[in-house]
PDB file of N, CA and C in Angstrom:
ATOM      1  N   MET A   1     -33.405   1.606  71.253  1.00  0.00           N
ATOM      2  CA  MET A   1     -34.569   1.522  70.426  1.00  0.00           C
ATOM      3  C   MET A   1     -34.855   0.034  70.299  1.00  0.00           C
ATOM      4  N   LYS A   2     -36.144  -0.257  69.974  1.00  0.00           N
ATOM      5  CA  LYS A   2     -36.537  -1.654  69.749  1.00  0.00           C
ATOM      6  C   LYS A   2     -36.848  -1.897  68.301  1.00  0.00           C
ATOM      7  N   VAL A   3     -36.408  -3.127  67.962  1.00  0.00           N
ATOM      8  CA  VAL A   3     -36.705  -3.623  66.570  1.00  0.00           C
ATOM      9  C   VAL A   3     -37.153  -5.053  66.683  1.00  0.00           C
ATOM     10  N   GLU A   4     -37.803  -5.509  65.658  1.00  0.00           N
ATOM     11  CA  GLU A   4     -38.240  -6.965  65.582  1.00  0.00           C
ATOM     12  C   GLU A   4     -37.289  -7.663  64.671  1.00  0.00           C
ATOM     13  N   MET A   5     -36.583  -8.734  65.167  1.00  0.00           N
ATOM     14  CA  MET A   5     -35.688  -9.423  64.298  1.00  0.00           C
ATOM     15  C   MET A   5     -36.090 -10.936  64.384  1.00  0.00           C
ATOM     16  N   ASN A   6     -36.441 -11.366  63.236  1.00  0.00           N
ATOM     17  CA  ASN A   6     -36.869 -12.842  63.019  1.00  0.00           C
ATOM     18  C   ASN A   6     -37.980 -13.079  64.084  1.00  0.00           C
ATOM     19  N   GLY A   7     -38.934 -12.140  64.297  1.00  0.00           N
ATOM     20  CA  GLY A   7     -40.103 -12.474  65.091  1.00  0.00           C
ATOM     21  C   GLY A   7     -39.779 -12.119  66.591  1.00  0.00           C
ATOM     22  N   GLU A   8     -38.628 -11.744  67.060  1.00  0.00           N
ATOM     23  CA  GLU A   8     -38.315 -11.466  68.393  1.00  0.00           C
ATOM     24  C   GLU A   8     -37.912 -10.020  68.594  1.00  0.00           C
ATOM     25  N   VAL A   9     -38.381  -9.362  69.556  1.00  0.00           N
ATOM     26  CA  VAL A   9     -38.061  -7.939  69.801  1.00  0.00           C
ATOM     27  C   VAL A   9     -36.734  -7.844  70.542  1.00  0.00           C
ATOM     28  N   ILE A  10     -35.844  -7.048  69.981  1.00  0.00           N
ATOM     29  CA  ILE A  10     -34.492  -6.859  70.480  1.00  0.00           C
ATOM     30  C   ILE A  10     -34.182  -5.365  70.699  1.00  0.00           C
ATOM     31  N   ASP A  11     -33.329  -4.938  71.505  1.00  0.00           N
ATOM     32  CA  ASP A  11     -32.917  -3.633  71.796  1.00  0.00           C
ATOM     33  C   ASP A  11     -31.618  -3.307  71.009  1.00  0.00           C
ATOM     34  N   LEU A  12     -31.587  -2.230  70.270  1.00  0.00           N
ATOM     35  CA  LEU A  12     -30.325  -1.723  69.579  1.00  0.00           C
ATOM     36  C   LEU A  12     -30.128  -0.344  70.002  1.00  0.00           C
ATOM     37  N   VAL A  13     -28.845   0.031  70.030  1.00  0.00           N
ATOM     38  CA  VAL A  13     -28.609   1.419  70.255  1.00  0.00           C
ATOM     39  C   VAL A  13     -28.969   2.294  69.098  1.00  0.00           C
ATOM     40  N   ALA A  14     -29.629   3.468  69.337  1.00  0.00           N
ATOM     41  CA  ALA A  14     -30.047   4.381  68.305  1.00  0.00           C
ATOM     42  C   ALA A  14     -28.842   4.733  67.378  1.00  0.00           C
ATOM     43  N   GLY A  15     -29.093   4.635  66.141  1.00  0.00           N
ATOM     44  CA  GLY A  15     -28.024   5.022  65.178  1.00  0.00           C
ATOM     45  C   GLY A  15     -27.248   3.811  64.740  1.00  0.00           C
ATOM     46  N   SER A  16     -27.652   2.578  65.132  1.00  0.00           N
ATOM     47  CA  SER A  16     -26.939   1.364  64.849  1.00  0.00           C
ATOM     48  C   SER A  16     -27.081   1.097  63.358  1.00  0.00           C
ATOM     49  N   THR A  17     -25.961   0.535  62.766  1.00  0.00           N
ATOM     50  CA  THR A  17     -25.921   0.153  61.314  1.00  0.00           C
ATOM     51  C   THR A  17     -26.130  -1.314  61.242  1.00  0.00           C
ATOM     52  N   LEU A  18     -26.320  -1.820  60.084  1.00  0.00           N
ATOM     53  CA  LEU A  18     -26.425  -3.309  59.968  1.00  0.00           C
ATOM     54  C   LEU A  18     -25.035  -3.984  60.167  1.00  0.00           C
ATOM     55  N   ASP A  19     -23.958  -3.220  59.947  1.00  0.00           N
ATOM     56  CA  ASP A  19     -22.661  -3.793  60.342  1.00  0.00           C
ATOM     57  C   ASP A  19     -22.569  -3.950  61.871  1.00  0.00           C
ATOM     58  N   ASP A  20     -23.177  -2.981  62.596  1.00  0.00           N
ATOM     59  CA  ASP A  20     -23.196  -3.143  64.031  1.00  0.00           C
ATOM     60  C   ASP A  20     -24.081  -4.267  64.441  1.00  0.00           C
ATOM     61  N   LEU A  21     -25.210  -4.457  63.816  1.00  0.00           N
ATOM     62  CA  LEU A  21     -25.960  -5.633  64.089  1.00  0.00           C
ATOM     63  C   LEU A  21     -25.223  -6.957  63.862  1.00  0.00           C
ATOM     64  N   CYS A  22     -24.563  -7.082  62.809  1.00  0.00           N
ATOM     65  CA  CYS A  22     -23.745  -8.233  62.442  1.00  0.00           C
ATOM     66  C   CYS A  22     -22.724  -8.523  63.531  1.00  0.00           C
ATOM     67  N   ARG A  23     -22.055  -7.528  64.001  1.00  0.00           N
ATOM     68  CA  ARG A  23     -20.973  -7.626  65.088  1.00  0.00           C
ATOM     69  C   ARG A  23     -21.677  -8.075  66.390  1.00  0.00           C
ATOM     70  N   LEU A  24     -22.754  -7.457  66.730  1.00  0.00           N
ATOM     71  CA  LEU A  24     -23.507  -7.742  67.995  1.00  0.00           C
ATOM     72  C   LEU A  24     -23.938  -9.182  68.084  1.00  0.00           C
ATOM     73  N   LEU A  25     -24.407  -9.662  66.940  1.00  0.00           N
ATOM     74  CA  LEU A  25     -24.940 -11.094  66.818  1.00  0.00           C
ATOM     75  C   LEU A  25     -23.955 -12.066  66.395  1.00  0.00           C
ATOM     76  N   ALA A  26     -22.674 -11.676  66.061  1.00  0.00           N
ATOM     77  CA  ALA A  26     -21.644 -12.439  65.493  1.00  0.00           C
ATOM     78  C   ALA A  26     -22.168 -13.179  64.215  1.00  0.00           C
ATOM     79  N   LEU A  27     -22.844 -12.468  63.364  1.00  0.00           N
ATOM     80  CA  LEU A  27     -23.317 -12.956  62.167  1.00  0.00           C
ATOM     81  C   LEU A  27     -22.202 -13.021  61.088  1.00  0.00           C
ATOM     82  N   PRO A  28     -22.068 -14.016  60.338  1.00  0.00           N
ATOM     83  CA  PRO A  28     -21.149 -14.049  59.290  1.00  0.00           C
ATOM     84  C   PRO A  28     -21.542 -13.319  58.023  1.00  0.00           C
ATOM     85  N   LYS A  29     -21.053 -12.040  57.836  1.00  0.00           N
ATOM     86  CA  LYS A  29     -21.525 -11.202  56.752  1.00  0.00           C
ATOM     87  C   LYS A  29     -21.556 -11.781  55.409  1.00  0.00           C
ATOM     88  N   LYS A  30     -20.550 -12.710  55.109  1.00  0.00           N
ATOM     89  CA  LYS A  30     -20.380 -13.276  53.775  1.00  0.00           C
ATOM     90  C   LYS A  30     -21.623 -14.150  53.481  1.00  0.00           C
ATOM     91  N   SER A  31     -22.243 -14.823  54.444  1.00  0.00           N
ATOM     92  CA  SER A  31     -23.259 -15.710  54.145  1.00  0.00           C
ATOM     93  C   SER A  31     -24.672 -15.242  54.710  1.00  0.00           C
ATOM     94  N   ALA A  32     -24.665 -14.026  55.242  1.00  0.00           N
ATOM     95  CA  ALA A  32     -25.883 -13.475  55.802  1.00  0.00           C
ATOM     96  C   ALA A  32     -26.677 -12.583  54.761  1.00  0.00           C
ATOM     97  N   VAL A  33     -27.974 -12.732  54.714  1.00  0.00           N
ATOM     98  CA  VAL A  33     -28.786 -11.822  53.888  1.00  0.00           C
ATOM     99  C   VAL A  33     -29.635 -11.207  54.941  1.00  0.00           C
ATOM    100  N   ILE A  34     -29.872  -9.801  54.834  1.00  0.00           N
ATOM    101  CA  ILE A  34     -30.669  -9.043  55.772  1.00  0.00           C
ATOM    102  C   ILE A  34     -31.624  -8.156  55.026  1.00  0.00           C
ATOM    103  N   SER A  35     -32.944  -8.325  55.499  1.00  0.00           N
ATOM    104  CA  SER A  35     -34.027  -7.426  54.864  1.00  0.00           C
ATOM    105  C   SER A  35     -34.493  -6.596  56.016  1.00  0.00           C
ATOM    106  N   VAL A  36     -34.814  -5.358  55.715  1.00  0.00           N
ATOM    107  CA  VAL A  36     -35.316  -4.412  56.672  1.00  0.00           C
ATOM    108  C   VAL A  36     -36.654  -3.929  56.083  1.00  0.00           C
ATOM    109  N   ASN A  37     -37.776  -4.194  56.861  1.00  0.00           N
ATOM    110  CA  ASN A  37     -39.106  -3.745  56.448  1.00  0.00           C
ATOM    111  C   ASN A  37     -39.440  -4.275  55.005  1.00  0.00           C
ATOM    112  N   GLY A  38     -39.033  -5.549  54.798  1.00  0.00           N
ATOM    113  CA  GLY A  38     -39.336  -6.172  53.475  1.00  0.00           C
ATOM    114  C   GLY A  38     -38.504  -5.967  52.307  1.00  0.00           C
ATOM    115  N   GLU A  39     -37.393  -5.054  52.554  1.00  0.00           N
ATOM    116  CA  GLU A  39     -36.449  -4.758  51.495  1.00  0.00           C
ATOM    117  C   GLU A  39     -34.997  -5.320  51.793  1.00  0.00           C
ATOM    118  N   VAL A  40     -34.498  -6.129  50.873  1.00  0.00           N
ATOM    119  CA  VAL A  40     -33.172  -6.737  51.056  1.00  0.00           C
ATOM    120  C   VAL A  40     -32.182  -5.661  50.989  1.00  0.00           C
ATOM    121  N   VAL A  41     -31.309  -5.578  51.773  1.00  0.00           N
ATOM    122  CA  VAL A  41     -30.198  -4.449  51.880  1.00  0.00           C
ATOM    123  C   VAL A  41     -28.919  -5.132  51.347  1.00  0.00           C
ATOM    124  N   ARG A  42     -28.228  -4.399  50.405  1.00  0.00           N
ATOM    125  CA  ARG A  42     -27.059  -4.974  49.825  1.00  0.00           C
ATOM    126  C   ARG A  42     -25.912  -5.006  50.896  1.00  0.00           C
ATOM    127  N   LYS A  43     -25.150  -6.019  50.860  1.00  0.00           N
ATOM    128  CA  LYS A  43     -23.986  -6.074  51.764  1.00  0.00           C
ATOM    129  C   LYS A  43     -23.081  -4.912  51.777  1.00  0.00           C
ATOM    130  N   SER A  44     -22.865  -4.250  50.544  1.00  0.00           N
ATOM    131  CA  SER A  44     -22.138  -3.048  50.438  1.00  0.00           C
ATOM    132  C   SER A  44     -22.623  -1.840  51.202  1.00  0.00           C
ATOM    133  N   GLU A  45     -23.895  -1.951  51.606  1.00  0.00           N
ATOM    134  CA  GLU A  45     -24.581  -0.894  52.326  1.00  0.00           C
ATOM    135  C   GLU A  45     -24.695  -1.126  53.847  1.00  0.00           C
ATOM    136  N   TYR A  46     -24.241  -2.256  54.269  1.00  0.00           N
ATOM    137  CA  TYR A  46     -24.334  -2.583  55.756  1.00  0.00           C
ATOM    138  C   TYR A  46     -23.672  -1.479  56.645  1.00  0.00           C
ATOM    139  N   GLY A  47     -22.604  -0.981  56.190  1.00  0.00           N
ATOM    140  CA  GLY A  47     -21.914   0.026  57.072  1.00  0.00           C
ATOM    141  C   GLY A  47     -22.554   1.361  57.115  1.00  0.00           C
ATOM    142  N   SER A  48     -23.317   1.706  56.079  1.00  0.00           N
ATOM    143  CA  SER A  48     -24.004   2.955  56.039  1.00  0.00           C
ATOM    144  C   SER A  48     -25.459   2.953  56.300  1.00  0.00           C
ATOM    145  N   TYR A  49     -26.094   1.726  56.358  1.00  0.00           N
ATOM    146  CA  TYR A  49     -27.471   1.614  56.543  1.00  0.00           C
ATOM    147  C   TYR A  49     -27.789   1.767  58.027  1.00  0.00           C
ATOM    148  N   VAL A  50     -28.428   2.854  58.390  1.00  0.00           N
ATOM    149  CA  VAL A  50     -28.752   3.040  59.741  1.00  0.00           C
ATOM    150  C   VAL A  50     -30.181   2.411  59.995  1.00  0.00           C
ATOM    151  N   VAL A  51     -30.345   1.471  60.969  1.00  0.00           N
ATOM    152  CA  VAL A  51     -31.592   0.769  61.139  1.00  0.00           C
ATOM    153  C   VAL A  51     -32.541   1.754  61.818  1.00  0.00           C
ATOM    154  N   PRO A  52     -33.797   1.872  61.167  1.00  0.00           N
ATOM    155  CA  PRO A  52     -34.800   2.798  61.672  1.00  0.00           C
ATOM    156  C   PRO A  52     -35.473   2.180  62.984  1.00  0.00           C
ATOM    157  N   ASP A  53     -35.888   2.967  63.826  1.00  0.00           N
ATOM    158  CA  ASP A  53     -36.565   2.497  65.012  1.00  0.00           C
ATOM    159  C   ASP A  53     -37.834   1.741  64.662  1.00  0.00           C
ATOM    160  N   SER A  54     -38.196   0.685  65.406  1.00  0.00           N
ATOM    161  CA  SER A  54     -39.335  -0.171  65.171  1.00  0.00           C
ATOM    162  C   SER A  54     -39.363  -0.948  63.828  1.00  0.00           C
ATOM    163  N   SER A  55     -38.212  -1.197  63.251  1.00  0.00           N
ATOM    164  CA  SER A  55     -37.987  -1.893  62.039  1.00  0.00           C
ATOM    165  C   SER A  55     -38.356  -3.309  62.179  1.00  0.00           C
ATOM    166  N   LYS A  56     -38.764  -4.093  61.178  1.00  0.00           N
ATOM    167  CA  LYS A  56     -38.886  -5.478  61.105  1.00  0.00           C
ATOM    168  C   LYS A  56     -37.693  -6.042  60.350  1.00  0.00           C
ATOM    169  N   ILE A  57     -36.873  -6.724  61.002  1.00  0.00           N
ATOM    170  CA  ILE A  57     -35.620  -7.207  60.389  1.00  0.00           C
ATOM    171  C   ILE A  57     -35.690  -8.743  60.260  1.00  0.00           C
ATOM    172  N   GLU A  58     -35.376  -9.249  59.078  1.00  0.00           N
ATOM    173  CA  GLU A  58     -35.295 -10.735  58.768  1.00  0.00           C
ATOM    174  C   GLU A  58     -33.853 -10.918  58.473  1.00  0.00           C
ATOM    175  N   VAL A  59     -33.202 -12.006  59.188  1.00  0.00           N
ATOM    176  CA  VAL A  59     -31.807 -12.344  58.912  1.00  0.00           C
ATOM    177  C   VAL A  59     -31.879 -13.863  58.453  1.00  0.00           C
ATOM    178  N   MET A  60     -31.213 -14.139  57.350  1.00  0.00           N
ATOM    179  CA  MET A  60     -31.104 -15.457  56.848  1.00  0.00           C
ATOM    180  C   MET A  60     -29.652 -15.706  56.645  1.00  0.00           C
ATOM    181  N   VAL A  61     -29.118 -16.760  57.193  1.00  0.00           N
ATOM    182  CA  VAL A  61     -27.764 -17.267  57.101  1.00  0.00           C
ATOM    183  C   VAL A  61     -27.749 -18.513  56.364  1.00  0.00           C
ATOM    184  N   PHE A  62     -26.985 -18.517  55.131  1.00  0.00           N
ATOM    185  CA  PHE A  62     -26.929 -19.712  54.366  1.00  0.00           C
ATOM    186  C   PHE A  62     -25.710 -20.557  54.753  1.00  0.00           C
ATOM    187  N   VAL A  63     -25.901 -21.757  54.763  1.00  0.00           N
ATOM    188  CA  VAL A  63     -24.985 -22.780  55.380  1.00  0.00           C
ATOM    189  C   VAL A  63     -24.773 -23.864  54.242  1.00  0.00           C
ATOM    190  N   GLY A  64     -23.579 -24.037  53.820  1.00  0.00           N
ATOM    191  CA  GLY A  64     -23.279 -24.990  52.785  1.00  0.00           C
ATOM    192  C   GLY A  64     -22.975 -26.386  53.476  1.00  0.00           C
ATOM    193  N   GLY A  65     -23.079 -27.382  52.641  1.00  0.00           N
ATOM    194  CA  GLY A  65     -22.747 -28.738  53.168  1.00  0.00           C
ATOM    195  C   GLY A  65     -22.900 -29.816  52.162  1.00  0.00           C
ATOM    196  N   GLY A  66     -22.730 -30.925  52.587  1.00  0.00           N
ATOM    197  CA  GLY A  66     -22.764 -31.951  51.518  1.00  0.00           C
ATOM    198  C   GLY A  66     -23.033 -33.271  51.990  1.00  0.00           C
TER     199      GLY A  66
END
């Protein structure tokens, strides 16, 4: 299936969860915030949240520094 992530179309396996997406992209779950179709998804739901086909996903990763 195809989804749009941060403005770029990518392919995901049908039935993929947000946990799957994090693993696929090597995203640090602790500092990543993911919204799907304009709604922020709680980290506690990443394992059970199945990404719908044709979704618009925005991923933000926060980086600390000094």
